[in-house]
Structures are given as C-alpha cells and as structure tokens.
C-alpha cells in the first residue's frame, strides 16, 4: 500500500471535485475508458471529491461533456508540482 501511494506521489495527481446531477455516470464512463479514480467521497448530494492521475485528467474533457458534469481542481499534489514550484528558486532548494 505504501509503495502504491509513493508511486502516485512521484507521478503526480490532482484532487478534483465533480459536481452535477450525473456524477455516477461520470465515474462509470471513466471506468469504461480506464481512467483511474481513487479515494472518492461524497461532499454533498450533487458533488464528489476524488483523486485522479495527471494523465487521466488530461483525457477527461470529453467525459465531462458526455456526463454533463463540472470538474474543479481542488489541489495538485506530487513531486512534479513541487519541482515546477521550486524550479526557479535553486538557492531555496540548497
């Protein structure tokens, strides 16, 4: 379990909130297209918070249109995002 979470952190992932009336349809289409979703929790009756890989997030646009839901990025996590944040601050890293 630890190795899986470490691998996900190294590759990077986003925490998103999917809102709309057909969130379950969105999850089913993602599963059908082999887009990995994990740690799903219901925020309110029309919204779900979940984690998704960066590659999955890039390919999600047609899925959101088909399911008629809205996706908002809540947080970006991973080594990729840390690298981008501190790329210009080399002195800070040292």
C-alpha atoms as a PDB file:
ATOM      1  CA  UNK A   1       0.000   0.000   0.000  1.00  0.00           C
ATOM      2  CA  UNK A   2       2.823   2.380   0.858  1.00  0.00           C
ATOM      3  CA  UNK A   3       4.570   1.724  -2.452  1.00  0.00           C
ATOM      4  CA  UNK A   4       1.396   2.451  -4.419  1.00  0.00           C
ATOM      5  CA  UNK A   5       0.914   5.799  -2.658  1.00  0.00           C
ATOM      6  CA  UNK A   6       4.593   6.639  -3.115  1.00  0.00           C
ATOM      7  CA  UNK A   7       4.372   5.866  -6.841  1.00  0.00           C
ATOM      8  CA  UNK A   8       1.269   8.034  -7.182  1.00  0.00           C
ATOM      9  CA  UNK A   9       3.044  10.891  -5.399  1.00  0.00           C
ATOM     10  CA  UNK A  10       6.091  10.593  -7.639  1.00  0.00           C
ATOM     11  CA  UNK A  11       3.983  10.655 -10.811  1.00  0.00           C
ATOM     12  CA  UNK A  12       1.657  13.382  -9.518  1.00  0.00           C
ATOM     13  CA  UNK A  13      -2.099  13.545  -9.140  1.00  0.00           C
ATOM     14  CA  UNK A  14      -4.904  16.051  -8.702  1.00  0.00           C
ATOM     15  CA  UNK A  15      -7.733  16.197  -6.194  1.00  0.00           C
ATOM     16  CA  UNK A  16     -10.880  17.199  -8.038  1.00  0.00           C
ATOM     17  CA  UNK A  17     -14.488  17.940  -7.184  1.00  0.00           C
ATOM     18  CA  UNK A  18     -17.012  16.673  -9.714  1.00  0.00           C
ATOM     19  CA  UNK A  19     -20.418  18.309  -9.442  1.00  0.00           C
ATOM     20  CA  UNK A  20     -23.639  17.772 -11.336  1.00  0.00           C
ATOM     21  CA  UNK A  21     -26.656  15.512 -11.380  1.00  0.00           C
ATOM     22  CA  UNK A  22     -24.973  12.542 -13.075  1.00  0.00           C
ATOM     23  CA  UNK A  23     -21.733  12.075 -11.150  1.00  0.00           C
ATOM     24  CA  UNK A  24     -22.215   8.297 -11.153  1.00  0.00           C
ATOM     25  CA  UNK A  25     -22.432   8.338 -14.945  1.00  0.00           C
ATOM     26  CA  UNK A  26     -19.128  10.233 -14.997  1.00  0.00           C
ATOM     27  CA  UNK A  27     -17.480   7.578 -12.809  1.00  0.00           C
ATOM     28  CA  UNK A  28     -18.863   4.762 -14.971  1.00  0.00           C
ATOM     29  CA  UNK A  29     -17.555   6.351 -18.183  1.00  0.00           C
ATOM     30  CA  UNK A  30     -14.145   6.893 -16.573  1.00  0.00           C
ATOM     31  CA  UNK A  31     -14.053   3.248 -15.532  1.00  0.00           C
ATOM     32  CA  UNK A  32     -15.029   2.173 -19.044  1.00  0.00           C
ATOM     33  CA  UNK A  33     -12.230   4.309 -20.550  1.00  0.00           C
ATOM     34  CA  UNK A  34      -9.750   3.002 -17.940  1.00  0.00           C
ATOM     35  CA  UNK A  35      -9.211   6.363 -16.266  1.00  0.00           C
ATOM     36  CA  UNK A  36      -8.095   5.640 -12.726  1.00  0.00           C
ATOM     37  CA  UNK A  37     -10.052   7.255  -9.866  1.00  0.00           C
ATOM     38  CA  UNK A  38      -9.466   6.638  -6.171  1.00  0.00           C
ATOM     39  CA  UNK A  39     -10.354   7.917  -2.676  1.00  0.00           C
ATOM     40  CA  UNK A  40     -13.854   9.015  -3.676  1.00  0.00           C
ATOM     41  CA  UNK A  41     -16.016  10.691  -1.055  1.00  0.00           C
ATOM     42  CA  UNK A  42     -19.350  12.446  -1.369  1.00  0.00           C
ATOM     43  CA  UNK A  43     -19.223  16.125  -0.425  1.00  0.00           C
ATOM     44  CA  UNK A  44     -22.942  16.793  -0.893  1.00  0.00           C
ATOM     45  CA  UNK A  45     -25.774  15.104  -2.846  1.00  0.00           C
ATOM     46  CA  UNK A  46     -24.549  16.504  -6.178  1.00  0.00           C
ATOM     47  CA  UNK A  47     -20.759  16.576  -5.689  1.00  0.00           C
ATOM     48  CA  UNK A  48     -17.981  14.033  -5.164  1.00  0.00           C
ATOM     49  CA  UNK A  49     -14.324  14.626  -4.249  1.00  0.00           C
ATOM     50  CA  UNK A  50     -11.828  12.197  -5.785  1.00  0.00           C
ATOM     51  CA  UNK A  51      -8.214  11.798  -6.797  1.00  0.00           C
ATOM     52  CA  UNK A  52      -7.060  11.286 -10.364  1.00  0.00           C
ATOM     53  CA  UNK A  53      -3.738  10.957 -12.168  1.00  0.00           C
ATOM     54  CA  UNK A  54      -2.427  13.761 -14.354  1.00  0.00           C
ATOM     55  CA  UNK A  55      -2.744  11.652 -17.486  1.00  0.00           C
ATOM     56  CA  UNK A  56      -6.333  10.818 -16.607  1.00  0.00           C
ATOM     57  CA  UNK A  57      -7.149  14.456 -16.001  1.00  0.00           C
ATOM     58  CA  UNK A  58      -5.854  15.421 -19.432  1.00  0.00           C
ATOM     59  CA  UNK A  59      -8.178  12.926 -21.105  1.00  0.00           C
ATOM     60  CA  UNK A  60     -11.289  13.783 -19.101  1.00  0.00           C
ATOM     61  CA  UNK A  61     -12.737  16.632 -21.154  1.00  0.00           C
ATOM     62  CA  UNK A  62     -14.958  14.552 -23.489  1.00  0.00           C
ATOM     63  CA  UNK A  63     -16.153  12.531 -20.486  1.00  0.00           C
ATOM     64  CA  UNK A  64     -17.326  15.654 -18.652  1.00  0.00           C
ATOM     65  CA  UNK A  65     -19.263  16.798 -21.710  1.00  0.00           C
ATOM     66  CA  UNK A  66     -20.904  13.427 -22.145  1.00  0.00           C
ATOM     67  CA  UNK A  67     -21.909  13.142 -18.477  1.00  0.00           C
ATOM     68  CA  UNK A  68     -22.797  16.857 -18.205  1.00  0.00           C
ATOM     69  CA  UNK A  69     -20.802  17.478 -15.039  1.00  0.00           C
ATOM     70  CA  UNK A  70     -18.373  20.193 -13.968  1.00  0.00           C
ATOM     71  CA  UNK A  71     -14.890  19.468 -12.679  1.00  0.00           C
ATOM     72  CA  UNK A  72     -12.925  21.769 -10.394  1.00  0.00           C
ATOM     73  CA  UNK A  73      -9.338  21.197  -9.293  1.00  0.00           C
ATOM     74  CA  UNK A  74      -9.115  21.459  -5.541  1.00  0.00           C
ATOM     75  CA  UNK A  75      -5.438  20.643  -5.088  1.00  0.00           C
ATOM     76  CA  UNK A  76      -2.409  19.460  -7.046  1.00  0.00           C
ATOM     77  CA  UNK A  77      -0.063  17.019  -5.365  1.00  0.00           C
ATOM     78  CA  UNK A  78       3.109  15.244  -6.279  1.00  0.00           C
ATOM     79  CA  UNK A  79       6.772  15.613  -6.992  1.00  0.00           C
ATOM     80  CA  UNK A  80       6.043  17.072 -10.431  1.00  0.00           C
ATOM     81  CA  UNK A  81       4.245  20.055  -8.939  1.00  0.00           C
ATOM     82  CA  UNK A  82       6.921  20.599  -6.290  1.00  0.00           C
ATOM     83  CA  UNK A  83       9.561  20.598  -8.998  1.00  0.00           C
ATOM     84  CA  UNK A  84       7.638  23.190 -11.028  1.00  0.00           C
ATOM     85  CA  UNK A  85       7.138  25.372  -7.971  1.00  0.00           C
ATOM     86  CA  UNK A  86      10.793  25.411  -6.889  1.00  0.00           C
ATOM     87  CA  UNK A  87      12.415  25.225 -10.332  1.00  0.00           C
ATOM     88  CA  UNK A  88      13.301  28.916 -10.374  1.00  0.00           C
ATOM     89  CA  UNK A  89      14.322  29.038  -6.688  1.00  0.00           C
ATOM     90  CA  UNK A  90      17.503  26.978  -6.799  1.00  0.00           C
ATOM     91  CA  UNK A  91      19.002  28.745  -3.799  1.00  0.00           C
ATOM     92  CA  UNK A  92      15.953  27.836  -1.735  1.00  0.00           C
ATOM     93  CA  UNK A  93      16.417  24.146  -2.550  1.00  0.00           C
ATOM     94  CA  UNK A  94      20.060  24.183  -1.444  1.00  0.00           C
END
